[in-house]
Amino acid sequence: MTTPGATRLEHDLLGDREVPADAYYGVQTLRAQENFHITGVPLSHFPRLIEALAQVKRAAARANHSFGVLEGERAAEREQACAEIADGALHEHFVVDMIQGGAGTSTNMNANEVIANRALEILGREKGDYAHLHPNNHVNLAQSTNDVYPTAVRLAMMLSFPALADAMDHLIGTLRAKGEEFSQVLKMGRTQMQDAVPMTVGQEFNAWATTISEDVERLTRTARLFREINLGATAIGTGITTDPRYAQLAAKELSEITGQPFVVAADLVEATSDTGAFVTFSGVLKRIAVKISKICNDLRLLSSGPRAGLAEITLPAVQPGSSIMPGKVNPVIPEVVNQVAFEVIGNDLTVTFAAEGGQLQLNAFEPVICYNILESTRIMTRAMNTLADRCIAGITVNEDVLGDYLHRSIGVVTALVPVIGYAAATDIASTALRTGRPVRELVIERGLLDERRLEGLLSPASMTAPVRPTATGTIPALLAEELDSGEVAPPPGSGAGTAGAAQNAQDAEDAESAHDAEHGTV
């Protein structure tokens, strides 16, 4: 048992240092820990990154053993140590700050030292007895930070993003369920914060679900870019210190260990300095963040009130909203998701600058790229689940409010344009706006349509979905049949009647001919 406060002496390029006797990390990790008091977020904050580092080291050990350059005993114990770490052991000894100088060298050495000391322990030797198994000579054999670190980061991202995709699917399913629940509830749609035309609340929720669903596949497809790795490139991509067969075998071993289909980049010099895959993936995360933030903006607007706002929907109350105003409840879940989105958008800008800042054969800023993408993935995953479970699932609609808005809105007059014409509809809208009288009342009063025909035009089906086009305009089938039979005189400005029908038919024929010419059809 280690005596509390006991230390061991280790040596590196800069000299000797005392390291805590029970620490699995060594002197180089100790120096990095002292140098990089930056975020306060250690490597262990991201377990998938530690797992990825261990798996890369494990693949390297297997490849080196195959070539006979790493003795069986050292290879076996080293691989066992890697397997244990990949399964979650010793993560608390990965103590270096996520943002660090040195292009990830401190991360690589933290892994090398923990693996070496655990392997020494398995061999029955003391931590720090590097004469028998050395962090650089053995654990880092045929490797450089410059191929290990980017490969591990790519693997970490491949291991991390499925949780985000699952959270997105969960949110999509929750939105779809609400879309079904509210599929028959009419409301007024809005454009530019002004009344537009009617829709259903279900259509609104389904639109949110669709915009998120578009990016699940995009996220998965973009993550495939991480399958191309530069393991075996060593320092700058020339493969110095490795067997010519090493890169391919190490990638093969890593694929077998992780179940991910890795391939070695065709140009290892290019792959060692290129960070394009990170930029692309971060851009997808930003795109998702922008979309989810817009949805949260909508939720906050639609639930505003409850007396002096839109108040169309009610969000579930999850906590009191004010320390001074009794009864106030705030939309705290959409607000926190908005803030997550803002951070992800900012993280993407950081990734962009870091990728652009690379020089010559290496990008020294991959640690901040790694930190920001992993953090964006982590917080977006939590935000999606939080939004689904603590907000969307409990939303209710205020049908009286929706019905009142619909009744008083002039936007419904748009549904009458194909029948009464734009000019007549504009006059109705202007009068309704000036007098406050309902559109329905004015249309009937002026004799433009009788109540039966008006109800058909203003039915939910007619106002929230396309209807059958006819020579007299896009109007409900019942009215179209009446117009075609001559039972109803075409309303003023409708474009109907003999001349109007002929012109409409000619317009349709001209449009079809233009389409055929464009696409080469006869």
Protein backbone atom coordinates (compact mmCIF):
# COMPACT_ATOMS: atom_id res chain seq x y z
CA MET A 1 0.00 0.00 0.00
CA THR A 2 1.36 3.41 -1.00
CA THR A 3 2.17 5.79 1.85
CA PRO A 4 0.06 8.98 1.62
CA GLY A 5 2.15 11.77 0.11
CA ALA A 6 4.82 9.36 -1.13
CA THR A 7 6.53 10.13 -4.44
CA ARG A 8 8.75 8.47 -7.01
CA LEU A 9 11.55 10.11 -9.00
CA GLU A 10 11.21 10.30 -12.78
CA HIS A 11 13.48 11.85 -15.40
CA ASP A 12 12.84 13.53 -18.75
CA LEU A 13 14.54 15.99 -21.10
CA LEU A 14 14.33 18.81 -18.56
CA GLY A 15 15.60 16.84 -15.59
CA ASP A 16 14.25 15.00 -12.55
CA ARG A 17 10.86 15.50 -10.91
CA GLU A 18 8.96 13.91 -8.04
CA VAL A 19 5.74 12.25 -9.20
CA PRO A 20 3.02 11.01 -6.80
CA ALA A 21 3.86 7.36 -6.11
CA ASP A 22 0.30 6.16 -6.73
CA ALA A 23 -0.09 8.07 -10.01
CA TYR A 24 -0.18 6.04 -13.21
CA TYR A 25 0.87 9.10 -15.20
CA GLY A 26 4.49 10.23 -15.20
CA VAL A 27 6.80 13.21 -15.37
CA GLN A 28 5.74 14.53 -18.79
CA THR A 29 2.10 14.49 -17.77
CA LEU A 30 3.03 16.24 -14.53
CA ARG A 31 4.73 19.06 -16.45
CA ALA A 32 1.75 19.42 -18.79
CA GLN A 33 -0.59 19.55 -15.82
CA GLU A 34 1.45 22.43 -14.41
CA ASN A 35 1.71 24.25 -17.74
CA PHE A 36 -1.89 24.12 -18.92
CA HIS A 37 -4.28 25.60 -16.38
CA ILE A 38 -6.67 26.63 -19.13
CA THR A 39 -10.20 25.21 -19.19
CA GLY A 40 -10.13 23.13 -16.04
CA VAL A 41 -11.54 20.34 -18.21
CA PRO A 42 -9.23 17.28 -18.16
CA LEU A 43 -9.05 14.58 -20.80
CA SER A 44 -11.09 12.32 -18.52
CA HIS A 45 -14.10 14.60 -19.07
CA PHE A 46 -14.52 12.84 -22.43
CA PRO A 47 -14.42 9.05 -21.80
CA ARG A 48 -14.75 8.31 -25.51
CA LEU A 49 -11.48 10.12 -26.17
CA ILE A 50 -9.68 8.02 -23.53
CA GLU A 51 -11.22 4.88 -24.99
CA ALA A 52 -10.09 5.93 -28.47
CA LEU A 53 -6.51 6.62 -27.32
CA ALA A 54 -6.33 3.21 -25.68
CA GLN A 55 -7.65 1.45 -28.79
CA VAL A 56 -5.15 3.20 -31.07
CA LYS A 57 -2.30 2.18 -28.74
CA ARG A 58 -3.66 -1.34 -28.65
CA ALA A 59 -3.73 -1.57 -32.45
CA ALA A 60 -0.15 -0.26 -32.59
CA ALA A 61 0.99 -2.87 -30.07
CA ARG A 62 -0.52 -5.66 -32.14
CA ALA A 63 1.05 -4.39 -35.36
CA ASN A 64 4.49 -4.01 -33.79
CA HIS A 65 4.29 -7.47 -32.26
CA SER A 66 3.45 -8.92 -35.69
CA PHE A 67 6.70 -7.51 -37.05
CA GLY A 68 8.71 -8.83 -34.10
CA VAL A 69 9.80 -5.38 -32.95
CA LEU A 70 7.94 -5.58 -29.64
CA GLU A 71 8.65 -8.61 -27.48
CA GLY A 72 5.73 -10.86 -26.58
CA GLU A 73 5.76 -10.05 -22.88
CA ARG A 74 5.78 -6.30 -23.40
CA ALA A 75 3.16 -6.53 -26.14
CA ALA A 76 0.77 -8.71 -24.12
CA GLU A 77 0.92 -6.63 -20.96
CA ARG A 78 0.68 -3.41 -22.91
CA GLU A 79 -2.35 -4.67 -24.83
CA GLN A 80 -4.00 -5.78 -21.59
CA ALA A 81 -3.45 -2.33 -20.10
CA CYS A 82 -4.97 -0.73 -23.21
CA ALA A 83 -8.00 -3.04 -23.05
CA GLU A 84 -8.61 -2.18 -19.40
CA ILE A 85 -8.42 1.55 -20.10
CA ALA A 86 -10.74 1.21 -23.08
CA ASP A 87 -13.22 -0.50 -20.74
CA GLY A 88 -13.16 2.45 -18.35
CA ALA A 89 -10.25 1.78 -15.97
CA LEU A 90 -7.81 4.49 -14.82
CA HIS A 91 -9.58 7.35 -16.58
CA GLU A 92 -9.00 9.56 -13.55
CA HIS A 93 -5.27 9.48 -14.35
CA PHE A 94 -5.85 11.28 -17.66
CA VAL A 95 -5.37 14.68 -16.10
CA VAL A 96 -4.01 16.99 -18.81
CA ASP A 97 -6.19 19.96 -19.80
CA MET A 98 -8.11 19.48 -23.05
CA ILE A 99 -6.63 22.68 -24.50
CA GLN A 100 -2.86 22.43 -24.55
CA GLY A 101 0.16 23.47 -26.57
CA GLY A 102 2.17 20.90 -28.49
CA ALA A 103 -0.42 19.64 -30.99
CA GLY A 104 -1.63 16.97 -28.55
CA THR A 105 1.79 15.73 -27.39
CA SER A 106 0.76 16.01 -23.74
CA THR A 107 -2.35 13.93 -24.42
CA ASN A 108 -0.29 11.28 -26.18
CA MET A 109 2.27 11.16 -23.38
CA ASN A 110 -0.43 11.02 -20.73
CA ALA A 111 -1.72 7.90 -22.48
CA ASN A 112 1.77 6.46 -22.97
CA GLU A 113 2.65 6.87 -19.29
CA VAL A 114 -0.60 5.46 -17.91
CA ILE A 115 -0.40 2.46 -20.23
CA ALA A 116 3.27 1.88 -19.40
CA ASN A 117 2.76 2.04 -15.64
CA ARG A 118 -0.30 -0.22 -15.72
CA ALA A 119 1.61 -2.71 -17.90
CA LEU A 120 4.55 -2.59 -15.44
CA GLU A 121 2.10 -3.30 -12.64
CA ILE A 122 0.75 -6.32 -14.55
CA LEU A 123 4.36 -7.49 -14.96
CA GLY A 124 4.78 -7.26 -11.18
CA ARG A 125 7.08 -4.25 -11.31
CA GLU A 126 6.96 -0.82 -9.73
CA LYS A 127 5.46 2.20 -11.46
CA GLY A 128 8.21 4.23 -13.07
CA ASP A 129 10.46 1.20 -13.71
CA TYR A 130 10.81 2.25 -17.31
CA ALA A 131 13.94 0.19 -17.97
CA HIS A 132 11.60 -2.77 -18.48
CA LEU A 133 8.76 -1.01 -20.31
CA HIS A 134 9.15 2.60 -21.41
CA PRO A 135 6.41 5.10 -22.38
CA ASN A 136 8.34 6.28 -25.44
CA ASN A 137 10.47 3.28 -26.42
CA HIS A 138 7.72 0.70 -26.15
CA VAL A 139 4.23 2.21 -25.78
CA ASN A 140 4.94 4.86 -28.43
CA LEU A 141 6.88 2.52 -30.72
CA ALA A 142 6.43 3.34 -34.45
CA GLN A 143 4.17 6.25 -33.53
CA SER A 144 4.12 10.01 -33.22
CA THR A 145 1.63 12.31 -31.56
CA ASN A 146 1.00 13.57 -35.08
CA ASP A 147 -0.60 10.33 -36.21
CA VAL A 148 -1.85 8.90 -32.90
CA TYR A 149 -3.67 12.01 -31.71
CA PRO A 150 -5.67 12.81 -34.90
CA THR A 151 -6.52 9.14 -35.32
CA ALA A 152 -7.76 8.91 -31.73
CA VAL A 153 -9.75 12.13 -32.12
CA ARG A 154 -11.43 10.77 -35.25
CA LEU A 155 -12.29 7.55 -33.45
CA ALA A 156 -13.60 9.48 -30.44
CA MET A 157 -15.93 11.44 -32.68
CA MET A 158 -17.16 8.27 -34.38
CA LEU A 159 -17.87 6.82 -30.95
CA SER A 160 -19.59 9.99 -29.71
CA PHE A 161 -21.92 11.06 -32.50
CA PRO A 162 -24.36 8.07 -32.38
CA ALA A 163 -25.66 9.30 -29.03
CA LEU A 164 -26.47 12.64 -30.68
CA ALA A 165 -28.18 10.90 -33.59
CA ASP A 166 -30.25 8.87 -31.12
CA ALA A 167 -31.21 12.04 -29.23
CA MET A 168 -32.25 13.66 -32.50
CA ASP A 169 -34.40 10.64 -33.36
CA HIS A 170 -35.99 10.85 -29.92
CA LEU A 171 -36.82 14.53 -30.42
CA ILE A 172 -38.19 13.82 -33.91
CA GLY A 173 -40.44 11.08 -32.55
CA THR A 174 -41.73 13.36 -29.79
CA LEU A 175 -42.49 16.13 -32.29
CA ARG A 176 -44.24 13.68 -34.63
CA ALA A 177 -46.41 12.44 -31.77
CA LYS A 178 -47.49 16.01 -31.08
CA GLY A 179 -48.05 16.53 -34.79
CA GLU A 180 -50.50 13.64 -34.77
CA GLU A 181 -52.15 14.80 -31.55
CA PHE A 182 -52.77 18.29 -32.96
CA SER A 183 -53.46 17.30 -36.58
CA GLN A 184 -57.02 18.65 -36.53
CA VAL A 185 -56.39 21.84 -34.56
CA LEU A 186 -56.56 24.90 -36.84
CA LYS A 187 -54.48 28.02 -36.29
CA MET A 188 -53.21 31.01 -38.21
CA GLY A 189 -49.80 30.73 -39.78
CA ARG A 190 -47.57 33.78 -39.79
CA THR A 191 -44.90 35.21 -42.06
CA GLN A 192 -42.74 38.17 -41.08
CA MET A 193 -44.60 38.19 -37.74
CA GLN A 194 -47.84 39.05 -39.58
CA ASP A 195 -50.96 36.95 -40.17
CA ALA A 196 -50.55 34.70 -43.20
CA VAL A 197 -52.90 31.80 -43.93
CA PRO A 198 -54.41 28.99 -41.84
CA MET A 199 -52.64 25.77 -41.03
CA THR A 200 -52.93 23.10 -38.37
CA VAL A 201 -50.87 22.96 -35.22
CA GLY A 202 -49.95 19.45 -36.32
CA GLN A 203 -48.39 20.81 -39.51
CA GLU A 204 -46.27 23.16 -37.43
CA PHE A 205 -44.94 20.37 -35.20
CA ASN A 206 -44.37 18.05 -38.16
CA ALA A 207 -42.37 20.76 -39.92
CA TRP A 208 -40.08 20.99 -36.89
CA ALA A 209 -39.67 17.22 -36.92
CA THR A 210 -38.82 17.22 -40.61
CA THR A 211 -36.17 19.93 -40.34
CA ILE A 212 -34.35 17.93 -37.65
CA SER A 213 -34.75 14.60 -39.45
CA GLU A 214 -32.99 15.98 -42.52
CA ASP A 215 -29.78 16.21 -40.53
CA VAL A 216 -29.67 12.77 -38.91
CA GLU A 217 -28.52 11.22 -42.16
CA ARG A 218 -26.30 14.23 -42.90
CA LEU A 219 -24.59 13.78 -39.53
CA THR A 220 -24.04 10.07 -40.13
CA ARG A 221 -22.76 10.60 -43.64
CA THR A 222 -20.33 13.32 -42.57
CA ALA A 223 -18.97 11.17 -39.73
CA ARG A 224 -17.80 8.68 -42.36
CA LEU A 225 -15.06 11.15 -43.25
CA PHE A 226 -13.36 10.14 -39.99
CA ARG A 227 -12.77 6.63 -41.33
CA GLU A 228 -9.75 7.91 -43.25
CA ILE A 229 -6.80 8.03 -40.85
CA ASN A 230 -3.10 8.82 -40.94
CA LEU A 231 -1.96 6.15 -38.45
CA GLY A 232 1.53 5.14 -39.56
CA ALA A 233 2.37 8.61 -40.84
CA THR A 234 4.45 9.33 -37.70
CA ALA A 235 5.91 12.84 -37.61
CA ILE A 236 4.95 14.47 -40.91
CA GLY A 237 3.52 11.68 -43.07
CA THR A 238 6.70 10.02 -44.36
CA GLY A 239 6.34 7.06 -41.98
CA ILE A 240 9.81 7.44 -40.52
CA THR A 241 10.63 4.80 -37.80
CA THR A 242 7.97 2.37 -39.08
CA ASP A 243 8.00 -0.85 -41.10
CA PRO A 244 6.66 -0.25 -44.65
CA ARG A 245 3.78 -2.58 -43.84
CA TYR A 246 2.96 -0.94 -40.53
CA ALA A 247 0.33 1.66 -41.59
CA GLN A 248 -1.92 -0.84 -43.34
CA LEU A 249 -1.61 -3.44 -40.59
CA ALA A 250 -2.19 -0.92 -37.79
CA ALA A 251 -5.33 0.36 -39.54
CA LYS A 252 -6.51 -3.23 -40.01
CA GLU A 253 -5.96 -4.00 -36.32
CA LEU A 254 -7.77 -0.83 -35.29
CA SER A 255 -10.72 -1.76 -37.49
CA GLU A 256 -10.91 -5.22 -35.93
CA ILE A 257 -10.69 -3.84 -32.39
CA THR A 258 -13.30 -1.11 -32.85
CA GLY A 259 -15.57 -2.51 -35.54
CA GLN A 260 -15.07 0.69 -37.55
CA PRO A 261 -13.94 0.35 -41.21
CA PHE A 262 -10.81 2.50 -41.13
CA VAL A 263 -8.68 3.10 -44.21
CA VAL A 264 -5.22 4.60 -44.48
CA ALA A 265 -5.18 7.94 -46.29
CA ALA A 266 -3.73 7.78 -49.79
CA ASP A 267 -1.40 10.70 -49.07
CA LEU A 268 -0.16 10.59 -45.49
CA VAL A 269 1.68 13.90 -45.74
CA GLU A 270 -1.55 15.62 -46.74
CA ALA A 271 -3.59 13.71 -44.15
CA THR A 272 -1.23 14.69 -41.32
CA SER A 273 -1.75 18.41 -41.89
CA ASP A 274 -5.36 18.41 -43.12
CA THR A 275 -8.26 19.11 -40.76
CA GLY A 276 -11.01 19.36 -43.37
CA ALA A 277 -13.08 16.50 -41.95
CA PHE A 278 -13.31 18.31 -38.61
CA VAL A 279 -14.44 21.53 -40.30
CA THR A 280 -17.15 19.69 -42.24
CA PHE A 281 -18.44 17.79 -39.21
CA SER A 282 -18.45 20.91 -37.05
CA GLY A 283 -20.41 22.67 -39.78
CA VAL A 284 -23.12 20.02 -39.58
CA LEU A 285 -23.27 20.47 -35.80
CA LYS A 286 -23.68 24.21 -36.35
CA ARG A 287 -26.45 23.61 -38.89
CA ILE A 288 -28.31 21.45 -36.36
CA ALA A 289 -27.79 24.07 -33.67
CA VAL A 290 -29.21 26.83 -35.86
CA LYS A 291 -32.30 24.75 -36.61
CA ILE A 292 -32.94 23.72 -33.03
CA SER A 293 -32.48 27.30 -31.85
CA LYS A 294 -35.05 28.53 -34.37
CA ILE A 295 -37.53 25.94 -33.08
CA CYS A 296 -36.95 27.15 -29.53
CA ASN A 297 -37.51 30.74 -30.67
CA ASP A 298 -40.87 29.62 -32.09
CA LEU A 299 -41.80 27.81 -28.90
CA ARG A 300 -41.06 30.87 -26.79
CA LEU A 301 -43.11 33.10 -29.09
CA LEU A 302 -46.08 30.77 -29.35
CA SER A 303 -46.20 30.23 -25.59
CA SER A 304 -45.69 33.91 -24.71
CA GLY A 305 -48.17 35.36 -22.26
CA PRO A 306 -50.19 33.86 -20.73
CA ARG A 307 -52.36 36.99 -20.94
CA ALA A 308 -50.37 39.54 -22.93
CA GLY A 309 -48.68 37.31 -25.50
CA LEU A 310 -49.66 34.88 -28.26
CA ALA A 311 -50.55 32.13 -25.77
CA GLU A 312 -51.31 29.62 -28.52
CA ILE A 313 -49.57 26.80 -26.70
CA THR A 314 -48.68 26.14 -23.09
CA LEU A 315 -45.29 24.69 -22.22
CA PRO A 316 -45.08 22.38 -19.20
CA ALA A 317 -44.21 24.29 -16.02
CA VAL A 318 -40.94 22.83 -14.72
CA GLN A 319 -39.96 25.46 -12.15
CA PRO A 320 -41.07 28.83 -10.75
CA GLY A 321 -40.02 31.67 -13.00
CA SER A 322 -39.37 34.65 -10.77
CA SER A 323 -38.02 35.58 -7.39
CA ILE A 324 -40.28 38.65 -7.26
CA MET A 325 -43.32 38.04 -9.52
CA PRO A 326 -45.72 35.46 -8.05
CA GLY A 327 -47.15 32.94 -10.48
CA LYS A 328 -44.67 33.66 -13.26
CA VAL A 329 -43.41 30.64 -15.21
CA ASN A 330 -40.67 31.03 -17.79
CA PRO A 331 -39.85 28.94 -20.90
CA VAL A 332 -36.61 27.76 -19.29
CA ILE A 333 -36.17 24.62 -21.39
CA PRO A 334 -36.24 26.40 -24.77
CA GLU A 335 -34.03 29.09 -23.23
CA VAL A 336 -31.35 26.64 -22.15
CA VAL A 337 -31.44 24.91 -25.54
CA ASN A 338 -31.03 28.30 -27.24
CA GLN A 339 -27.91 28.85 -25.14
CA VAL A 340 -26.53 25.45 -26.06
CA ALA A 341 -27.05 26.33 -29.71
CA PHE A 342 -25.22 29.63 -29.27
CA GLU A 343 -22.25 27.80 -27.79
CA VAL A 344 -22.20 25.23 -30.58
CA ILE A 345 -22.27 28.01 -33.18
CA GLY A 346 -19.36 29.71 -31.41
CA ASN A 347 -17.49 26.41 -31.16
CA ASP A 348 -17.78 26.01 -34.92
CA LEU A 349 -16.14 29.40 -35.43
CA THR A 350 -13.30 28.29 -33.15
CA VAL A 351 -12.88 25.10 -35.17
CA THR A 352 -12.79 27.14 -38.37
CA PHE A 353 -10.07 29.47 -37.11
CA ALA A 354 -8.05 26.57 -35.65
CA ALA A 355 -8.21 24.64 -38.92
CA GLU A 356 -7.17 27.70 -40.92
CA GLY A 357 -4.31 28.39 -38.52
CA GLY A 358 -2.37 25.25 -39.37
CA GLN A 359 1.08 25.70 -40.88
CA LEU A 360 3.19 23.56 -43.19
CA GLN A 361 3.16 19.84 -42.31
CA LEU A 362 1.08 19.97 -39.12
CA ASN A 363 -1.82 21.75 -37.51
CA ALA A 364 -0.77 22.52 -33.93
CA PHE A 365 -4.29 23.52 -32.94
CA GLU A 366 -6.02 20.16 -33.10
CA PRO A 367 -6.53 20.10 -29.30
CA VAL A 368 -8.96 23.05 -29.44
CA ILE A 369 -10.65 21.46 -32.47
CA CYS A 370 -11.05 18.23 -30.55
CA TYR A 371 -12.33 19.96 -27.42
CA ASN A 372 -14.92 22.07 -29.21
CA ILE A 373 -16.35 19.32 -31.41
CA LEU A 374 -16.59 16.79 -28.58
CA GLU A 375 -18.15 19.43 -26.32
CA SER A 376 -20.64 20.47 -29.01
CA THR A 377 -21.63 16.85 -29.52
CA ARG A 378 -22.00 16.26 -25.79
CA ILE A 379 -24.12 19.29 -24.96
CA MET A 380 -26.26 19.00 -28.09
CA THR A 381 -27.07 15.40 -27.14
CA ARG A 382 -28.22 16.50 -23.70
CA ALA A 383 -30.11 19.48 -25.09
CA MET A 384 -32.08 17.35 -27.57
CA ASN A 385 -33.15 14.89 -24.87
CA THR A 386 -34.00 17.69 -22.46
CA LEU A 387 -36.11 19.51 -25.03
CA ALA A 388 -38.00 16.34 -25.96
CA ASP A 389 -38.66 15.07 -22.44
CA ARG A 390 -39.09 18.25 -20.41
CA CYS A 391 -40.81 20.47 -22.96
CA ILE A 392 -42.23 19.01 -26.19
CA ALA A 393 -43.83 15.95 -24.61
CA GLY A 394 -45.90 18.11 -22.23
CA ILE A 395 -47.08 20.86 -24.59
CA THR A 396 -50.80 21.58 -24.74
CA VAL A 397 -52.70 23.85 -27.13
CA ASN A 398 -55.09 26.62 -26.20
CA GLU A 399 -57.86 25.96 -28.71
CA ASP A 400 -60.03 28.90 -27.61
CA VAL A 401 -57.18 31.30 -28.29
CA LEU A 402 -56.41 29.68 -31.64
CA GLY A 403 -60.07 29.77 -32.65
CA ASP A 404 -60.37 33.45 -31.73
CA TYR A 405 -57.28 34.35 -33.76
CA LEU A 406 -58.63 32.40 -36.70
CA HIS A 407 -62.06 34.01 -36.47
CA ARG A 408 -60.67 37.54 -36.31
CA SER A 409 -57.87 37.12 -38.86
CA ILE A 410 -58.07 38.58 -42.34
CA GLY A 411 -55.64 35.91 -43.57
CA VAL A 412 -58.47 33.49 -44.32
CA VAL A 413 -59.49 35.69 -47.24
CA THR A 414 -56.57 34.22 -49.23
CA ALA A 415 -58.62 31.01 -49.61
CA LEU A 416 -61.30 33.01 -51.45
CA VAL A 417 -59.01 34.58 -54.07
CA PRO A 418 -59.45 31.81 -56.70
CA VAL A 419 -63.22 32.30 -56.55
CA ILE A 420 -63.90 35.99 -55.87
CA GLY A 421 -60.65 37.34 -57.34
CA TYR A 422 -57.72 39.23 -55.87
CA ALA A 423 -59.30 42.69 -56.10
CA ALA A 424 -62.50 41.70 -54.30
CA ALA A 425 -60.54 39.77 -51.69
CA THR A 426 -58.28 42.77 -51.09
CA ASP A 427 -61.29 45.01 -50.55
CA ILE A 428 -62.77 42.50 -48.10
CA ALA A 429 -59.45 42.31 -46.22
CA SER A 430 -59.11 46.08 -46.02
CA THR A 431 -62.65 46.51 -44.75
CA ALA A 432 -62.24 43.75 -42.19
CA LEU A 433 -59.02 45.30 -40.95
CA ARG A 434 -60.53 48.79 -40.74
CA THR A 435 -63.82 47.81 -39.10
CA GLY A 436 -62.83 44.75 -37.13
CA ARG A 437 -65.65 42.77 -38.74
CA PRO A 438 -65.07 39.09 -39.68
CA VAL A 439 -64.23 38.18 -43.28
CA ARG A 440 -67.10 35.67 -43.41
CA GLU A 441 -69.65 38.32 -42.47
CA LEU A 442 -68.48 40.76 -45.13
CA VAL A 443 -68.42 38.18 -47.93
CA ILE A 444 -71.99 37.10 -47.25
CA GLU A 445 -73.19 40.68 -46.76
CA ARG A 446 -71.87 41.67 -50.20
CA GLY A 447 -73.43 38.63 -51.84
CA LEU A 448 -70.12 37.35 -53.19
CA LEU A 449 -70.82 33.82 -51.93
CA ASP A 450 -73.62 32.15 -50.08
CA GLU A 451 -72.96 30.60 -46.68
CA ARG A 452 -72.77 27.03 -48.00
CA ARG A 453 -70.14 27.84 -50.60
CA LEU A 454 -68.23 30.01 -48.16
CA GLU A 455 -68.07 27.23 -45.59
CA GLY A 456 -66.68 24.89 -48.26
CA LEU A 457 -63.93 27.33 -49.16
CA LEU A 458 -63.06 28.03 -45.52
CA SER A 459 -63.11 24.41 -44.42
CA PRO A 460 -59.89 23.07 -42.80
CA ALA A 461 -59.24 20.80 -45.80
CA SER A 462 -59.48 23.69 -48.26
CA MET A 463 -57.33 26.08 -46.24
CA THR A 464 -54.50 23.78 -45.11
CA ALA A 465 -53.75 21.64 -48.17
CA PRO A 466 -53.76 21.83 -51.97
CA VAL A 467 -57.12 21.29 -53.70
CA ARG A 468 -58.03 20.13 -57.17
CA PRO A 469 -57.01 22.64 -59.87
CA THR A 470 -59.63 23.42 -62.50
CA ALA A 471 -60.00 25.72 -65.48
CA THR A 472 -61.77 28.16 -63.18
CA GLY A 473 -58.94 28.28 -60.66
CA THR A 474 -57.87 26.27 -57.66
CA ILE A 475 -61.11 25.81 -55.75
CA PRO A 476 -62.83 22.99 -53.87
CA ALA A 477 -64.25 20.23 -56.04
CA LEU A 478 -67.89 20.96 -55.14
CA LEU A 479 -67.68 24.55 -56.33
CA ALA A 480 -65.69 23.55 -59.39
CA GLU A 481 -68.42 21.16 -60.46
CA GLU A 482 -71.05 23.84 -59.98
CA LEU A 483 -69.08 26.34 -62.02
CA ASP A 484 -68.38 23.81 -64.78
CA SER A 485 -72.08 22.97 -65.03
CA GLY A 486 -73.05 26.65 -65.28
CA GLU A 487 -75.11 26.52 -62.10
CA VAL A 488 -73.01 29.25 -60.51
CA ALA A 489 -71.90 32.43 -62.21
CA PRO A 490 -68.16 33.01 -61.88
CA PRO A 491 -67.46 35.68 -59.26
CA PRO A 492 -65.99 38.96 -60.42
CA GLY A 493 -62.22 38.81 -60.89
CA SER A 494 -62.07 35.01 -60.75
CA GLY A 495 -60.71 34.59 -64.28
CA ALA A 496 -63.56 32.13 -64.95
CA GLY A 497 -66.10 32.16 -67.77
CA THR A 498 -65.51 31.28 -71.41
CA ALA A 499 -62.69 33.72 -72.07
CA GLY A 500 -61.07 33.09 -68.71
CA ALA A 501 -61.24 29.31 -69.12
CA ALA A 502 -59.77 29.53 -72.61
CA GLN A 503 -56.92 31.70 -71.39
CA ASN A 504 -56.24 29.38 -68.47
CA ALA A 505 -56.14 26.38 -70.77
CA GLN A 506 -53.76 28.17 -73.14
CA ASP A 507 -51.51 29.16 -70.21
CA ALA A 508 -51.39 25.54 -69.04
CA GLU A 509 -50.53 24.32 -72.54
CA ASP A 510 -47.75 26.92 -72.89
CA ALA A 511 -46.30 25.94 -69.52
CA GLU A 512 -46.31 22.25 -70.43
CA SER A 513 -44.58 22.96 -73.76
CA ALA A 514 -41.90 25.01 -72.01
CA HIS A 515 -41.30 22.18 -69.51
CA ASP A 516 -40.98 19.60 -72.31
CA ALA A 517 -38.53 21.79 -74.21
CA GLU A 518 -36.40 22.30 -71.11
CA HIS A 519 -36.21 18.60 -70.30
CA GLY A 520 -35.93 17.31 -73.85
CA THR A 521 -39.27 15.43 -73.89
CA VAL A 522 -41.78 15.22 -76.74
